[in-house]
N, C-alpha and C. Protein backbone atom coordinates (compact mmCIF):
# COMPACT_ATOMS: atom_id res chain seq x y z
N MET A 1 -18.10 31.52 -23.57
CA MET A 1 -18.15 30.54 -22.56
C MET A 1 -18.15 30.72 -21.25
N LYS A 2 -18.52 29.82 -20.36
CA LYS A 2 -18.66 29.98 -18.78
C LYS A 2 -18.30 28.69 -18.11
N LYS A 3 -17.56 29.08 -16.88
CA LYS A 3 -17.48 27.94 -16.10
C LYS A 3 -18.60 27.91 -14.94
N ILE A 4 -19.19 26.90 -14.60
CA ILE A 4 -20.11 26.88 -13.49
C ILE A 4 -19.83 25.99 -12.64
N GLU A 5 -19.72 26.56 -11.40
CA GLU A 5 -19.57 25.67 -10.07
C GLU A 5 -20.90 25.66 -9.17
N CYS A 6 -21.20 24.44 -8.86
CA CYS A 6 -22.36 24.24 -8.14
C CYS A 6 -22.01 23.56 -6.73
N ILE A 7 -22.39 24.07 -5.65
CA ILE A 7 -22.26 23.32 -4.39
C ILE A 7 -23.73 22.92 -4.09
N VAL A 8 -23.83 21.60 -3.92
CA VAL A 8 -25.31 21.04 -3.66
C VAL A 8 -25.19 20.02 -2.71
N ARG A 9 -26.21 19.49 -2.05
CA ARG A 9 -26.35 18.32 -1.23
C ARG A 9 -25.96 17.06 -2.20
N PRO A 10 -25.29 16.10 -1.31
CA PRO A 10 -24.64 15.07 -1.89
C PRO A 10 -25.92 14.12 -2.45
N GLU A 11 -26.99 14.04 -1.75
CA GLU A 11 -27.87 13.08 -2.23
C GLU A 11 -28.73 13.54 -3.66
N LYS A 12 -28.35 14.85 -3.98
CA LYS A 12 -29.06 15.31 -5.13
C LYS A 12 -28.12 15.08 -6.45
N LEU A 13 -27.14 14.75 -6.36
CA LEU A 13 -26.05 14.52 -7.26
C LEU A 13 -26.55 13.54 -8.44
N LYS A 14 -27.04 12.61 -8.27
CA LYS A 14 -27.61 11.64 -9.31
C LYS A 14 -28.77 12.22 -10.12
N GLU A 15 -29.55 12.89 -9.42
CA GLU A 15 -30.69 13.58 -10.22
C GLU A 15 -30.30 14.85 -10.97
N LEU A 16 -29.18 15.50 -10.46
CA LEU A 16 -28.76 16.53 -11.24
C LEU A 16 -27.92 16.02 -12.33
N THR A 17 -27.13 15.21 -12.23
CA THR A 17 -26.28 14.45 -13.41
C THR A 17 -27.23 14.05 -14.35
N ASP A 18 -28.37 13.33 -13.99
CA ASP A 18 -29.39 12.95 -15.09
C ASP A 18 -29.97 14.25 -15.95
N GLU A 19 -29.95 15.23 -15.16
CA GLU A 19 -30.55 16.31 -15.83
C GLU A 19 -29.54 17.10 -16.90
N LEU A 20 -28.28 16.93 -16.41
CA LEU A 20 -27.32 17.58 -17.18
C LEU A 20 -26.94 16.68 -18.42
N LEU A 21 -27.03 15.42 -18.41
CA LEU A 21 -26.99 14.69 -19.44
C LEU A 21 -28.18 14.90 -20.46
N LEU A 22 -29.29 14.95 -19.97
CA LEU A 22 -30.30 15.23 -20.98
C LEU A 22 -30.09 16.55 -21.86
N LEU A 23 -29.37 17.48 -21.09
CA LEU A 23 -29.13 18.83 -21.96
C LEU A 23 -27.66 18.65 -22.84
N GLY A 24 -27.20 17.65 -22.68
CA GLY A 24 -25.99 17.37 -23.59
C GLY A 24 -24.58 17.80 -23.06
N ILE A 25 -24.58 18.13 -21.85
CA ILE A 25 -23.22 18.65 -21.08
C ILE A 25 -22.40 17.35 -21.34
N ALA A 26 -21.09 17.85 -21.94
CA ALA A 26 -20.27 16.94 -22.48
C ALA A 26 -19.23 16.20 -21.16
N GLY A 27 -19.34 16.96 -20.17
CA GLY A 27 -18.34 16.43 -19.01
C GLY A 27 -18.49 17.37 -18.00
N LEU A 28 -18.17 16.85 -16.73
CA LEU A 28 -18.10 17.77 -15.53
C LEU A 28 -17.13 17.00 -14.45
N THR A 29 -16.85 17.66 -13.47
CA THR A 29 -15.97 17.38 -12.41
C THR A 29 -16.88 17.31 -11.08
N VAL A 30 -16.63 16.24 -10.42
CA VAL A 30 -17.52 16.22 -8.99
C VAL A 30 -16.36 16.03 -7.98
N THR A 31 -16.60 16.82 -7.05
CA THR A 31 -15.75 16.70 -5.71
C THR A 31 -16.50 16.72 -4.47
N GLU A 32 -16.05 15.83 -3.52
CA GLU A 32 -16.66 15.88 -2.33
C GLU A 32 -16.14 16.94 -1.30
N VAL A 33 -16.76 17.92 -0.70
CA VAL A 33 -16.47 18.93 0.00
C VAL A 33 -17.16 19.05 1.22
N LYS A 34 -16.62 19.89 2.39
CA LYS A 34 -17.33 20.19 3.41
C LYS A 34 -17.48 21.82 3.38
N GLY A 35 -18.33 22.04 4.08
CA GLY A 35 -18.62 23.55 4.35
C GLY A 35 -19.79 23.94 5.33
N PHE A 36 -20.02 25.20 5.48
CA PHE A 36 -21.06 25.66 6.32
C PHE A 36 -21.54 27.01 5.82
N GLY A 37 -22.75 27.14 6.22
CA GLY A 37 -23.33 28.30 5.81
C GLY A 37 -24.59 28.75 6.77
N ARG A 38 -25.55 29.34 6.20
CA ARG A 38 -26.85 29.49 7.05
C ARG A 38 -27.27 28.56 7.84
N GLU A 39 -27.27 27.43 7.36
CA GLU A 39 -27.78 26.36 8.03
C GLU A 39 -27.29 25.95 9.35
N VAL A 40 -26.07 26.59 9.84
CA VAL A 40 -25.36 26.12 11.01
C VAL A 40 -26.30 26.72 12.20
N THR A 41 -26.38 25.88 13.09
CA THR A 41 -27.36 26.40 14.22
C THR A 41 -26.66 27.11 15.43
N ARG A 42 -25.30 26.65 15.36
CA ARG A 42 -24.50 27.35 16.46
C ARG A 42 -23.20 27.84 15.88
N PRO A 43 -23.15 29.17 15.52
CA PRO A 43 -21.90 29.71 14.89
C PRO A 43 -20.57 29.41 15.35
N GLN A 44 -20.67 29.32 16.83
CA GLN A 44 -19.33 29.13 17.44
C GLN A 44 -18.96 27.35 17.28
N ASN A 45 -19.59 26.74 16.74
CA ASN A 45 -19.47 25.38 16.53
C ASN A 45 -18.87 25.01 15.19
N TYR A 46 -19.01 25.89 14.34
CA TYR A 46 -18.50 25.67 12.85
C TYR A 46 -18.84 24.29 12.39
N LEU A 47 -19.78 23.66 12.44
CA LEU A 47 -20.16 22.35 12.01
C LEU A 47 -20.04 22.30 10.39
N PHE A 48 -18.97 21.65 9.93
CA PHE A 48 -18.78 21.52 8.48
C PHE A 48 -19.69 20.09 8.05
N LEU A 49 -20.48 20.49 6.95
CA LEU A 49 -21.44 19.39 6.67
C LEU A 49 -20.94 19.04 5.15
N PRO A 50 -21.21 17.78 4.73
CA PRO A 50 -20.85 17.37 3.48
C PRO A 50 -21.68 17.79 2.50
N LYS A 51 -20.75 18.26 1.36
CA LYS A 51 -21.58 18.98 0.23
C LYS A 51 -20.93 18.16 -1.19
N THR A 52 -21.53 18.46 -2.30
CA THR A 52 -20.84 17.98 -3.51
C THR A 52 -20.60 19.20 -4.38
N LYS A 53 -19.41 19.40 -5.02
CA LYS A 53 -19.07 20.51 -5.65
C LYS A 53 -19.06 19.96 -7.20
N ILE A 54 -19.77 20.64 -8.10
CA ILE A 54 -19.69 20.13 -9.59
C ILE A 54 -19.18 21.39 -10.32
N GLU A 55 -18.37 21.00 -11.18
CA GLU A 55 -17.72 22.13 -11.98
C GLU A 55 -17.68 21.74 -13.36
N MET A 56 -18.27 22.59 -14.22
CA MET A 56 -18.31 22.22 -15.78
C MET A 56 -18.15 23.62 -16.43
N TYR A 57 -17.64 23.36 -17.83
CA TYR A 57 -17.44 24.34 -18.85
C TYR A 57 -18.55 24.16 -19.74
N VAL A 58 -19.22 25.47 -20.08
CA VAL A 58 -20.45 25.25 -20.99
C VAL A 58 -20.25 26.49 -21.71
N THR A 59 -20.82 26.33 -22.96
CA THR A 59 -21.17 27.56 -24.10
C THR A 59 -22.01 28.47 -23.36
N ASP A 60 -21.95 29.55 -23.85
CA ASP A 60 -22.95 30.62 -23.40
C ASP A 60 -24.26 30.46 -23.66
N ALA A 61 -24.54 29.65 -24.75
CA ALA A 61 -25.77 29.20 -24.99
C ALA A 61 -26.68 28.16 -23.90
N GLN A 62 -25.50 27.44 -23.50
CA GLN A 62 -25.98 26.45 -22.45
C GLN A 62 -26.02 26.71 -21.03
N ALA A 63 -25.56 27.90 -20.82
CA ALA A 63 -25.33 28.31 -19.29
C ALA A 63 -26.68 28.57 -18.63
N GLN A 64 -27.67 29.24 -19.29
CA GLN A 64 -29.04 29.31 -18.61
C GLN A 64 -29.73 28.02 -18.42
N GLU A 65 -29.65 27.20 -19.35
CA GLU A 65 -30.29 25.83 -19.15
C GLU A 65 -29.73 25.06 -18.08
N VAL A 66 -28.41 25.24 -17.83
CA VAL A 66 -27.78 24.46 -16.86
C VAL A 66 -28.07 25.06 -15.48
N VAL A 67 -28.04 26.44 -15.36
CA VAL A 67 -28.76 26.83 -14.14
C VAL A 67 -30.19 26.61 -13.81
N ASN A 68 -30.94 26.52 -14.81
CA ASN A 68 -32.19 25.94 -14.54
C ASN A 68 -32.35 24.65 -14.11
N ALA A 69 -31.44 23.63 -14.77
CA ALA A 69 -31.51 22.36 -14.31
C ALA A 69 -30.96 22.17 -12.88
N VAL A 70 -29.93 22.80 -12.32
CA VAL A 70 -29.52 22.66 -11.06
C VAL A 70 -30.66 23.09 -10.08
N ILE A 71 -31.29 24.31 -10.30
CA ILE A 71 -32.39 24.65 -9.61
C ILE A 71 -33.57 23.61 -9.61
N LYS A 72 -33.94 23.01 -10.61
CA LYS A 72 -34.88 22.21 -10.93
C LYS A 72 -34.46 20.99 -9.82
N SER A 73 -33.37 20.47 -9.97
CA SER A 73 -33.01 19.20 -9.46
C SER A 73 -32.59 19.42 -7.88
N CYS A 74 -32.08 20.57 -7.59
CA CYS A 74 -31.65 20.70 -6.29
C CYS A 74 -32.45 21.51 -5.20
N ARG A 75 -33.28 22.28 -5.76
CA ARG A 75 -33.85 23.21 -4.75
C ARG A 75 -34.99 22.37 -3.89
N ASP A 76 -34.82 22.47 -2.39
CA ASP A 76 -35.74 22.12 -1.62
C ASP A 76 -36.32 23.09 -0.57
N GLU A 77 -36.01 24.29 -0.77
CA GLU A 77 -36.70 25.42 -0.08
C GLU A 77 -36.13 25.26 1.49
N GLN A 78 -35.09 24.81 1.60
CA GLN A 78 -34.22 24.72 2.89
C GLN A 78 -33.06 25.26 2.89
N PHE A 79 -32.60 25.76 3.86
CA PHE A 79 -31.16 26.27 4.06
C PHE A 79 -30.19 25.01 3.80
N GLY A 80 -29.03 25.32 3.00
CA GLY A 80 -28.12 24.27 2.60
C GLY A 80 -28.47 23.73 1.17
N SER A 81 -29.41 24.14 0.53
CA SER A 81 -29.77 23.74 -0.73
C SER A 81 -28.57 23.90 -1.79
N GLY A 82 -27.75 24.79 -1.64
CA GLY A 82 -26.70 25.10 -2.53
C GLY A 82 -26.40 26.50 -3.02
N LYS A 83 -25.41 26.53 -3.75
CA LYS A 83 -25.21 27.77 -4.57
C LYS A 83 -24.74 27.42 -5.80
N ILE A 84 -24.93 28.45 -6.83
CA ILE A 84 -24.27 28.36 -8.10
C ILE A 84 -23.63 29.51 -8.62
N ALA A 85 -22.41 29.21 -8.98
CA ALA A 85 -21.61 30.62 -9.46
C ALA A 85 -21.14 30.29 -11.03
N ILE A 86 -21.50 31.63 -11.62
CA ILE A 86 -21.18 31.50 -13.03
C ILE A 86 -20.08 32.46 -13.51
N MET A 87 -19.09 31.97 -13.86
CA MET A 87 -17.98 32.88 -14.30
C MET A 87 -17.62 32.90 -15.78
N PRO A 88 -17.22 33.99 -16.28
CA PRO A 88 -16.70 33.99 -17.62
C PRO A 88 -15.26 32.95 -17.82
N LEU A 89 -15.28 32.49 -18.84
CA LEU A 89 -14.20 31.61 -19.36
C LEU A 89 -13.68 32.23 -20.57
N GLU A 90 -12.28 32.51 -20.44
CA GLU A 90 -11.69 33.26 -21.35
C GLU A 90 -11.12 32.36 -22.47
N ASP A 91 -10.70 31.27 -22.24
CA ASP A 91 -10.38 30.31 -23.38
C ASP A 91 -10.36 28.87 -22.66
N CYS A 92 -10.53 27.89 -23.49
CA CYS A 92 -10.44 26.47 -23.18
C CYS A 92 -9.78 25.70 -24.22
N VAL A 93 -8.91 24.75 -23.87
CA VAL A 93 -8.21 23.92 -24.90
C VAL A 93 -8.40 22.42 -24.51
N ARG A 94 -8.65 21.68 -25.50
CA ARG A 94 -8.63 20.01 -25.40
C ARG A 94 -7.40 19.64 -25.44
N VAL A 95 -6.65 19.23 -24.51
CA VAL A 95 -5.43 18.48 -24.59
C VAL A 95 -5.02 17.74 -25.72
N ARG A 96 -5.72 16.78 -25.81
CA ARG A 96 -5.87 15.67 -26.72
C ARG A 96 -5.54 16.08 -28.25
N THR A 97 -6.67 17.24 -28.47
CA THR A 97 -6.56 17.49 -30.03
C THR A 97 -6.02 18.90 -30.21
N GLY A 98 -5.98 19.75 -29.18
CA GLY A 98 -5.77 21.23 -29.33
C GLY A 98 -6.77 21.96 -29.75
N GLU A 99 -8.08 21.31 -29.95
CA GLU A 99 -9.23 22.24 -30.14
C GLU A 99 -9.53 23.42 -29.04
N ARG A 100 -10.14 24.44 -29.43
CA ARG A 100 -10.17 25.70 -28.56
C ARG A 100 -11.58 26.21 -28.37
N ASN A 101 -11.92 26.87 -27.31
CA ASN A 101 -13.03 27.53 -27.30
C ASN A 101 -14.18 26.57 -27.25
N ASP A 102 -15.52 26.87 -27.99
CA ASP A 102 -16.80 26.03 -27.87
C ASP A 102 -16.31 24.52 -28.35
N ALA A 103 -15.22 24.53 -29.16
CA ALA A 103 -15.09 23.03 -29.93
C ALA A 103 -14.60 22.24 -28.71
N ALA A 104 -13.72 22.90 -27.92
CA ALA A 104 -13.18 22.04 -26.64
C ALA A 104 -14.18 21.69 -25.80
N ILE A 105 -15.28 22.38 -25.59
CA ILE A 105 -16.20 22.13 -24.77
C ILE A 105 -17.30 21.15 -25.20
N LEU A 106 -17.65 21.02 -26.42
CA LEU A 106 -18.78 20.12 -26.99
C LEU A 106 -18.16 18.88 -27.39
């Protein structure tokens, strides 16, 4: 299992969500965040730009498909297109049923 966190441009959220639903991603969390990176023109200014953070838990088999969907939906060849972080997930428990691991994700 993997936890995938993506930071993308807010205007890309709808397109990305549509792609993830087609892949059968069962759920995700979206947070409005601010940050800066290479796109900042004046480092002393620390201009925080609005971004969208998407977090999801996926099976090992889904991980690469999700990464490809994020790249397809959000790449625009400009600074600030975003980042994808993929982390191993030791365990996952669905609170309502007590299901664990892949059963809790799917």
